Amino acid sequence: MAVMMQNYAKVLGHTIPASNQYPSFTDENKIGPWAKDAVKGIAQAGIMIGKTGGNFDPKANVTKAESAAILRRFVELVVD
């Protein structure tokens, strides 16, 4: 989902702000190399903040509630 959100921002002509420090997720080694830049950018913007215990959980499905929260943060931080 991080890659999709990053690509969507590019299509809209928006830049994702890097206003936070990268949180260095405990399961970072499970994030595919093709998605690492997107995860870093989305996390630094505060759009995707990971899960409990410092995990990003890249293999998990995103719930409806998580999707809604991610989309809300995206609109507030990137589009507005």
N, C-alpha and C. Protein backbone atom coordinates (compact mmCIF):
# COMPACT_ATOMS: atom_id res chain seq x y z
N MET A 1 0.82 -1.19 0.00
CA MET A 1 0.00 0.00 0.00
C MET A 1 0.87 1.26 0.00
N ALA A 2 2.03 1.19 0.62
CA ALA A 2 2.94 2.34 0.62
C ALA A 2 3.35 2.71 -0.79
N VAL A 3 3.62 1.72 -1.61
CA VAL A 3 4.01 1.96 -3.01
C VAL A 3 2.84 2.57 -3.78
N MET A 4 1.63 2.06 -3.54
CA MET A 4 0.46 2.62 -4.22
C MET A 4 0.25 4.08 -3.84
N MET A 5 0.40 4.40 -2.57
CA MET A 5 0.18 5.78 -2.12
C MET A 5 1.26 6.71 -2.69
N GLN A 6 2.49 6.23 -2.74
CA GLN A 6 3.58 7.03 -3.31
C GLN A 6 3.33 7.28 -4.80
N ASN A 7 2.93 6.25 -5.52
CA ASN A 7 2.65 6.39 -6.95
C ASN A 7 1.45 7.30 -7.18
N TYR A 8 0.44 7.21 -6.33
CA TYR A 8 -0.73 8.07 -6.45
C TYR A 8 -0.36 9.54 -6.26
N ALA A 9 0.51 9.81 -5.29
CA ALA A 9 0.97 11.19 -5.07
C ALA A 9 1.69 11.71 -6.31
N LYS A 10 2.51 10.87 -6.93
CA LYS A 10 3.22 11.27 -8.15
C LYS A 10 2.25 11.60 -9.28
N VAL A 11 1.23 10.76 -9.45
CA VAL A 11 0.24 10.98 -10.51
C VAL A 11 -0.50 12.30 -10.28
N LEU A 12 -0.78 12.61 -9.03
CA LEU A 12 -1.47 13.86 -8.70
C LEU A 12 -0.55 15.07 -8.81
N GLY A 13 0.76 14.82 -8.90
CA GLY A 13 1.72 15.91 -8.96
C GLY A 13 2.07 16.49 -7.60
N HIS A 14 1.88 15.69 -6.55
CA HIS A 14 2.16 16.13 -5.18
C HIS A 14 3.45 15.50 -4.67
N THR A 15 4.06 16.15 -3.73
CA THR A 15 5.24 15.64 -3.06
C THR A 15 4.86 15.19 -1.66
N ILE A 16 5.34 14.04 -1.25
CA ILE A 16 5.08 13.55 0.10
C ILE A 16 6.09 14.20 1.04
N PRO A 17 5.61 14.93 2.05
CA PRO A 17 6.53 15.63 2.95
C PRO A 17 7.27 14.66 3.87
N ALA A 18 8.55 14.89 4.04
CA ALA A 18 9.36 14.06 4.94
C ALA A 18 9.58 14.84 6.23
N SER A 19 8.53 14.94 7.03
CA SER A 19 8.58 15.79 8.22
C SER A 19 8.96 15.06 9.49
N ASN A 20 9.02 13.75 9.46
CA ASN A 20 9.38 12.96 10.64
C ASN A 20 10.65 12.16 10.38
N GLN A 21 11.24 11.68 11.46
CA GLN A 21 12.40 10.80 11.33
C GLN A 21 11.91 9.39 11.02
N TYR A 22 12.63 8.67 10.19
CA TYR A 22 12.25 7.30 9.85
C TYR A 22 12.30 6.44 11.11
N PRO A 23 11.22 5.70 11.41
CA PRO A 23 11.14 4.96 12.68
C PRO A 23 11.96 3.68 12.77
N SER A 24 12.56 3.22 11.69
CA SER A 24 13.37 1.99 11.69
C SER A 24 12.58 0.83 12.31
N PHE A 25 11.73 0.23 11.51
CA PHE A 25 10.85 -0.85 11.95
C PHE A 25 11.63 -2.10 12.33
N THR A 26 11.12 -2.83 13.33
CA THR A 26 11.83 -4.03 13.80
C THR A 26 11.83 -5.16 12.77
N ASP A 27 10.84 -5.16 11.88
CA ASP A 27 10.77 -6.19 10.84
C ASP A 27 11.14 -5.62 9.47
N GLU A 28 12.00 -4.64 9.46
CA GLU A 28 12.40 -3.97 8.23
C GLU A 28 13.00 -4.93 7.20
N ASN A 29 13.64 -5.98 7.68
CA ASN A 29 14.25 -6.95 6.76
C ASN A 29 13.19 -7.72 5.95
N LYS A 30 11.92 -7.64 6.34
CA LYS A 30 10.84 -8.31 5.61
C LYS A 30 10.23 -7.41 4.53
N ILE A 31 10.63 -6.15 4.50
CA ILE A 31 10.13 -5.22 3.48
C ILE A 31 10.93 -5.47 2.20
N GLY A 32 10.24 -5.73 1.11
CA GLY A 32 10.90 -6.01 -0.16
C GLY A 32 11.72 -4.83 -0.63
N PRO A 33 12.84 -5.10 -1.30
CA PRO A 33 13.70 -4.01 -1.77
C PRO A 33 12.98 -3.05 -2.72
N TRP A 34 11.99 -3.53 -3.44
CA TRP A 34 11.23 -2.71 -4.37
C TRP A 34 10.30 -1.73 -3.64
N ALA A 35 10.04 -1.98 -2.34
CA ALA A 35 9.11 -1.13 -1.59
C ALA A 35 9.79 -0.28 -0.52
N LYS A 36 11.09 -0.49 -0.28
CA LYS A 36 11.77 0.20 0.82
C LYS A 36 11.69 1.72 0.72
N ASP A 37 11.92 2.29 -0.44
CA ASP A 37 11.87 3.75 -0.58
C ASP A 37 10.47 4.29 -0.30
N ALA A 38 9.46 3.59 -0.79
CA ALA A 38 8.08 4.02 -0.57
C ALA A 38 7.73 3.94 0.91
N VAL A 39 8.10 2.86 1.57
CA VAL A 39 7.82 2.71 3.00
C VAL A 39 8.52 3.82 3.78
N LYS A 40 9.76 4.10 3.44
CA LYS A 40 10.50 5.15 4.14
C LYS A 40 9.81 6.50 3.96
N GLY A 41 9.45 6.83 2.74
CA GLY A 41 8.81 8.12 2.48
C GLY A 41 7.46 8.26 3.15
N ILE A 42 6.65 7.22 3.07
CA ILE A 42 5.32 7.23 3.67
C ILE A 42 5.42 7.29 5.19
N ALA A 43 6.39 6.58 5.77
CA ALA A 43 6.58 6.59 7.22
C ALA A 43 7.09 7.95 7.70
N GLN A 44 8.03 8.54 6.96
CA GLN A 44 8.56 9.85 7.35
C GLN A 44 7.49 10.93 7.27
N ALA A 45 6.52 10.76 6.42
CA ALA A 45 5.42 11.72 6.32
C ALA A 45 4.40 11.51 7.42
N GLY A 46 4.41 10.33 8.06
CA GLY A 46 3.44 10.03 9.10
C GLY A 46 2.14 9.48 8.55
N ILE A 47 2.16 9.06 7.29
CA ILE A 47 0.94 8.52 6.66
C ILE A 47 0.72 7.08 7.10
N MET A 48 1.77 6.29 7.10
CA MET A 48 1.72 4.92 7.62
C MET A 48 2.70 4.87 8.78
N ILE A 49 2.20 4.50 9.94
CA ILE A 49 3.05 4.58 11.14
C ILE A 49 3.44 3.22 11.69
N GLY A 50 3.01 2.17 11.06
CA GLY A 50 3.36 0.83 11.51
C GLY A 50 2.39 0.32 12.57
N LYS A 51 2.73 -0.80 13.12
CA LYS A 51 1.86 -1.47 14.10
C LYS A 51 2.55 -1.53 15.45
N THR A 52 1.90 -2.15 16.41
CA THR A 52 2.45 -2.25 17.75
C THR A 52 3.78 -3.01 17.75
N GLY A 53 4.61 -2.68 18.69
CA GLY A 53 5.90 -3.34 18.82
C GLY A 53 6.93 -2.87 17.82
N GLY A 54 6.66 -1.77 17.14
CA GLY A 54 7.62 -1.24 16.17
C GLY A 54 7.65 -1.99 14.86
N ASN A 55 6.64 -2.79 14.58
CA ASN A 55 6.57 -3.56 13.34
C ASN A 55 5.88 -2.77 12.23
N PHE A 56 6.29 -3.03 11.01
CA PHE A 56 5.58 -2.50 9.85
C PHE A 56 4.62 -3.57 9.32
N ASP A 57 5.00 -4.81 9.44
CA ASP A 57 4.19 -5.96 9.03
C ASP A 57 3.84 -5.89 7.54
N PRO A 58 4.87 -5.92 6.67
CA PRO A 58 4.65 -5.73 5.24
C PRO A 58 3.87 -6.83 4.55
N LYS A 59 3.77 -7.99 5.15
CA LYS A 59 3.06 -9.11 4.52
C LYS A 59 1.59 -9.18 4.92
N ALA A 60 1.17 -8.35 5.87
CA ALA A 60 -0.21 -8.40 6.37
C ALA A 60 -1.17 -7.69 5.43
N ASN A 61 -2.42 -8.10 5.50
CA ASN A 61 -3.47 -7.39 4.79
C ASN A 61 -3.81 -6.12 5.56
N VAL A 62 -4.22 -5.09 4.84
CA VAL A 62 -4.61 -3.84 5.47
C VAL A 62 -6.11 -3.90 5.74
N THR A 63 -6.52 -3.59 6.96
CA THR A 63 -7.93 -3.61 7.30
C THR A 63 -8.63 -2.37 6.74
N LYS A 64 -9.96 -2.39 6.76
CA LYS A 64 -10.71 -1.22 6.31
C LYS A 64 -10.39 -0.01 7.18
N ALA A 65 -10.29 -0.20 8.47
CA ALA A 65 -9.99 0.90 9.39
C ALA A 65 -8.60 1.47 9.12
N GLU A 66 -7.62 0.59 8.90
CA GLU A 66 -6.26 1.05 8.59
C GLU A 66 -6.24 1.82 7.27
N SER A 67 -6.96 1.30 6.27
CA SER A 67 -7.03 1.98 4.98
C SER A 67 -7.64 3.37 5.12
N ALA A 68 -8.71 3.47 5.89
CA ALA A 68 -9.36 4.76 6.10
C ALA A 68 -8.42 5.74 6.78
N ALA A 69 -7.68 5.28 7.78
CA ALA A 69 -6.75 6.15 8.49
C ALA A 69 -5.61 6.60 7.56
N ILE A 70 -5.10 5.69 6.75
CA ILE A 70 -4.02 6.01 5.82
C ILE A 70 -4.49 7.03 4.79
N LEU A 71 -5.68 6.82 4.24
CA LEU A 71 -6.22 7.75 3.25
C LEU A 71 -6.48 9.13 3.85
N ARG A 72 -6.99 9.17 5.09
CA ARG A 72 -7.24 10.45 5.75
C ARG A 72 -5.93 11.22 5.95
N ARG A 73 -4.90 10.51 6.46
CA ARG A 73 -3.61 11.17 6.66
C ARG A 73 -3.01 11.63 5.34
N PHE A 74 -3.16 10.83 4.30
CA PHE A 74 -2.65 11.18 2.98
C PHE A 74 -3.28 12.48 2.49
N VAL A 75 -4.60 12.56 2.59
CA VAL A 75 -5.30 13.77 2.14
C VAL A 75 -4.87 14.98 2.97
N GLU A 76 -4.80 14.81 4.28
CA GLU A 76 -4.43 15.93 5.15
C GLU A 76 -3.00 16.40 4.92
N LEU A 77 -2.07 15.47 4.72
CA LEU A 77 -0.65 15.81 4.64
C LEU A 77 -0.15 16.10 3.23
N VAL A 78 -0.78 15.48 2.24
CA VAL A 78 -0.27 15.59 0.88
C VAL A 78 -1.15 16.46 -0.01
N VAL A 79 -2.44 16.24 0.04
CA VAL A 79 -3.35 16.91 -0.89
C VAL A 79 -3.74 18.29 -0.40
N ASP A 80 -4.07 18.43 0.89
CA ASP A 80 -4.52 19.74 1.40
C ASP A 80 -3.47 20.80 1.33
